[in-house]
Amino acid sequence: MSQDFIDTMFITTLQPRGTEKDCGLVSGYCILGTGPISSLLSSITDFFGMKSNAFSAKAKEAEKIALDMMKREALQRGANAVYGVRINLTEATSGQGMLMVSVSGSAMIVS
């Protein structure tokens, strides 16, 4: 399954309309370490109340990995779309710098 094919899958938080077939719940996740440099930089930006670009980039990377995992599962079930997608970002460890992104949605065949 090529990355180009995965990138063409339709993902939305909206409810489906029209003719569809439900293929079941699909999910994906990614647990990503932020690393000591990102943690140090985020401590500095936190102290000054600024946006942490280091953590933002890591969160986006983890989100993409989780979404790709979910899309692959949907494609394996024969779906061409995922509806009702929910994305969660949490800290996987207590202060140890591990981010967890989990995604889930309903895989559908939309004509």
C-alpha atoms as a PDB file:
ATOM      1  CA  MET A   1       0.000   0.000   0.000  1.00  0.00           C
ATOM      2  CA  SER A   2       1.687   3.207  -1.139  1.00  0.00           C
ATOM      3  CA  GLN A   3       1.772   6.465   0.830  1.00  0.00           C
ATOM      4  CA  ASP A   4       0.112   8.256  -2.113  1.00  0.00           C
ATOM      5  CA  PHE A   5      -2.898   5.953  -1.879  1.00  0.00           C
ATOM      6  CA  ILE A   6      -3.153   6.503   1.886  1.00  0.00           C
ATOM      7  CA  ASP A   7      -2.951  10.278   1.415  1.00  0.00           C
ATOM      8  CA  THR A   8      -6.029  10.256  -0.859  1.00  0.00           C
ATOM      9  CA  MET A   9      -8.366   8.807   1.810  1.00  0.00           C
ATOM     10  CA  PHE A  10     -11.174  11.143   2.881  1.00  0.00           C
ATOM     11  CA  ILE A  11     -11.107  11.952   6.629  1.00  0.00           C
ATOM     12  CA  THR A  12     -13.725  14.124   8.393  1.00  0.00           C
ATOM     13  CA  THR A  13     -15.387  14.761  11.726  1.00  0.00           C
ATOM     14  CA  LEU A  14     -18.790  15.180  10.032  1.00  0.00           C
ATOM     15  CA  GLN A  15     -21.499  12.520   9.941  1.00  0.00           C
ATOM     16  CA  PRO A  16     -21.889  10.629   6.641  1.00  0.00           C
ATOM     17  CA  ARG A  17     -24.641  11.361   4.099  1.00  0.00           C
ATOM     18  CA  GLY A  18     -25.695   9.464   1.022  1.00  0.00           C
ATOM     19  CA  THR A  19     -25.085   5.804   0.334  1.00  0.00           C
ATOM     20  CA  GLU A  20     -22.461   4.201   2.550  1.00  0.00           C
ATOM     21  CA  LYS A  21     -21.505   0.869   3.993  1.00  0.00           C
ATOM     22  CA  ASP A  22     -20.120   0.804   7.538  1.00  0.00           C
ATOM     23  CA  CYS A  23     -16.828  -1.114   7.823  1.00  0.00           C
ATOM     24  CA  GLY A  24     -16.445  -0.666  11.588  1.00  0.00           C
ATOM     25  CA  LEU A  25     -14.340   1.347  13.998  1.00  0.00           C
ATOM     26  CA  VAL A  26     -10.723   2.004  13.043  1.00  0.00           C
ATOM     27  CA  SER A  27      -7.963   3.546  15.130  1.00  0.00           C
ATOM     28  CA  GLY A  28      -4.328   4.513  15.138  1.00  0.00           C
ATOM     29  CA  TYR A  29      -1.822   5.713  17.698  1.00  0.00           C
ATOM     30  CA  CYS A  30       1.705   6.991  18.108  1.00  0.00           C
ATOM     31  CA  ILE A  31       3.795   7.370  21.243  1.00  0.00           C
ATOM     32  CA  LEU A  32       6.674   9.704  20.556  1.00  0.00           C
ATOM     33  CA  GLY A  33       9.516  10.828  22.799  1.00  0.00           C
ATOM     34  CA  THR A  34      10.230  14.523  22.760  1.00  0.00           C
ATOM     35  CA  GLY A  35      13.932  14.244  23.646  1.00  0.00           C
ATOM     36  CA  PRO A  36      16.012  16.219  26.142  1.00  0.00           C
ATOM     37  CA  ILE A  37      16.614  19.231  23.870  1.00  0.00           C
ATOM     38  CA  SER A  38      12.881  19.652  23.165  1.00  0.00           C
ATOM     39  CA  SER A  39      12.171  19.342  26.896  1.00  0.00           C
ATOM     40  CA  LEU A  40      14.772  21.990  27.727  1.00  0.00           C
ATOM     41  CA  LEU A  41      13.448  24.384  25.080  1.00  0.00           C
ATOM     42  CA  SER A  42       9.862  23.829  26.204  1.00  0.00           C
ATOM     43  CA  SER A  43      10.854  24.578  29.814  1.00  0.00           C
ATOM     44  CA  ILE A  44      12.270  27.922  28.702  1.00  0.00           C
ATOM     45  CA  THR A  45       9.215  28.803  26.586  1.00  0.00           C
ATOM     46  CA  ASP A  46       6.905  27.682  29.411  1.00  0.00           C
ATOM     47  CA  PHE A  47       8.720  29.964  31.862  1.00  0.00           C
ATOM     48  CA  PHE A  48       8.140  32.968  29.587  1.00  0.00           C
ATOM     49  CA  GLY A  49       4.600  31.898  28.600  1.00  0.00           C
ATOM     50  CA  MET A  50       5.479  31.430  24.941  1.00  0.00           C
ATOM     51  CA  LYS A  51       4.439  28.834  22.347  1.00  0.00           C
ATOM     52  CA  SER A  52       6.636  25.720  22.239  1.00  0.00           C
ATOM     53  CA  ASN A  53       7.488  25.071  18.600  1.00  0.00           C
ATOM     54  CA  ALA A  54       9.527  22.017  19.622  1.00  0.00           C
ATOM     55  CA  PHE A  55       6.520  20.259  21.174  1.00  0.00           C
ATOM     56  CA  SER A  56       4.178  21.472  18.432  1.00  0.00           C
ATOM     57  CA  ALA A  57       6.339  19.870  15.751  1.00  0.00           C
ATOM     58  CA  LYS A  58       6.527  16.590  17.704  1.00  0.00           C
ATOM     59  CA  ALA A  59       2.746  16.583  18.248  1.00  0.00           C
ATOM     60  CA  LYS A  60       2.132  17.135  14.504  1.00  0.00           C
ATOM     61  CA  GLU A  61       4.547  14.330  13.621  1.00  0.00           C
ATOM     62  CA  ALA A  62       2.794  11.927  16.036  1.00  0.00           C
ATOM     63  CA  GLU A  63      -0.620  12.975  14.660  1.00  0.00           C
ATOM     64  CA  LYS A  64       0.423  12.189  11.087  1.00  0.00           C
ATOM     65  CA  ILE A  65       1.742   8.752  12.090  1.00  0.00           C
ATOM     66  CA  ALA A  66      -1.466   7.941  14.004  1.00  0.00           C
ATOM     67  CA  LEU A  67      -3.693   9.099  11.117  1.00  0.00           C
ATOM     68  CA  ASP A  68      -1.694   7.027   8.619  1.00  0.00           C
ATOM     69  CA  MET A  69      -2.095   3.953  10.859  1.00  0.00           C
ATOM     70  CA  MET A  70      -5.853   4.530  11.034  1.00  0.00           C
ATOM     71  CA  LYS A  71      -6.091   5.024   7.260  1.00  0.00           C
ATOM     72  CA  ARG A  72      -4.194   1.776   6.626  1.00  0.00           C
ATOM     73  CA  GLU A  73      -6.616  -0.131   8.848  1.00  0.00           C
ATOM     74  CA  ALA A  74      -9.588   1.428   7.022  1.00  0.00           C
ATOM     75  CA  LEU A  75      -8.129   0.512   3.635  1.00  0.00           C
ATOM     76  CA  GLN A  76      -7.542  -3.067   4.802  1.00  0.00           C
ATOM     77  CA  ARG A  77     -11.267  -3.250   5.591  1.00  0.00           C
ATOM     78  CA  GLY A  78     -12.120  -2.021   2.076  1.00  0.00           C
ATOM     79  CA  ALA A  79     -13.182   1.492   3.126  1.00  0.00           C
ATOM     80  CA  ASN A  80     -12.511   4.639   1.132  1.00  0.00           C
ATOM     81  CA  ALA A  81     -13.398   7.176   3.864  1.00  0.00           C
ATOM     82  CA  VAL A  82     -13.299   7.620   7.637  1.00  0.00           C
ATOM     83  CA  TYR A  83     -16.052   9.630   9.351  1.00  0.00           C
ATOM     84  CA  GLY A  84     -16.453  10.957  12.880  1.00  0.00           C
ATOM     85  CA  VAL A  85     -12.696  11.178  13.449  1.00  0.00           C
ATOM     86  CA  ARG A  86     -11.524  12.025  16.943  1.00  0.00           C
ATOM     87  CA  ILE A  87      -7.927  12.993  17.734  1.00  0.00           C
ATOM     88  CA  ASN A  88      -6.561  12.884  21.294  1.00  0.00           C
ATOM     89  CA  LEU A  89      -3.185  14.176  22.467  1.00  0.00           C
ATOM     90  CA  THR A  90      -1.992  13.188  25.930  1.00  0.00           C
ATOM     91  CA  GLU A  91       1.225  12.863  27.857  1.00  0.00           C
ATOM     92  CA  ALA A  92       2.037   9.154  27.943  1.00  0.00           C
ATOM     93  CA  THR A  93       4.341   9.412  30.975  1.00  0.00           C
ATOM     94  CA  SER A  94       4.267  11.646  34.024  1.00  0.00           C
ATOM     95  CA  GLY A  95       6.756  14.332  33.104  1.00  0.00           C
ATOM     96  CA  GLN A  96       9.036  12.006  31.105  1.00  0.00           C
ATOM     97  CA  GLY A  97       8.487  13.769  27.767  1.00  0.00           C
ATOM     98  CA  MET A  98       6.472  11.114  25.907  1.00  0.00           C
ATOM     99  CA  LEU A  99       3.505  12.319  23.831  1.00  0.00           C
ATOM    100  CA  MET A 100       0.713   9.969  22.784  1.00  0.00           C
ATOM    101  CA  VAL A 101      -1.644  10.744  19.934  1.00  0.00           C
ATOM    102  CA  SER A 102      -4.580   8.421  19.367  1.00  0.00           C
ATOM    103  CA  VAL A 103      -7.168   8.708  16.604  1.00  0.00           C
ATOM    104  CA  SER A 104     -10.371   6.803  15.884  1.00  0.00           C
ATOM    105  CA  GLY A 105     -13.277   6.953  13.499  1.00  0.00           C
ATOM    106  CA  SER A 106     -15.817   4.936  11.510  1.00  0.00           C
ATOM    107  CA  ALA A 107     -14.518   3.370   8.310  1.00  0.00           C
ATOM    108  CA  MET A 108     -17.042   3.673   5.454  1.00  0.00           C
ATOM    109  CA  ILE A 109     -17.428   2.808   1.815  1.00  0.00           C
ATOM    110  CA  VAL A 110     -18.842   5.915   0.147  1.00  0.00           C
ATOM    111  CA  SER A 111     -20.008   5.834  -3.448  1.00  0.00           C
END
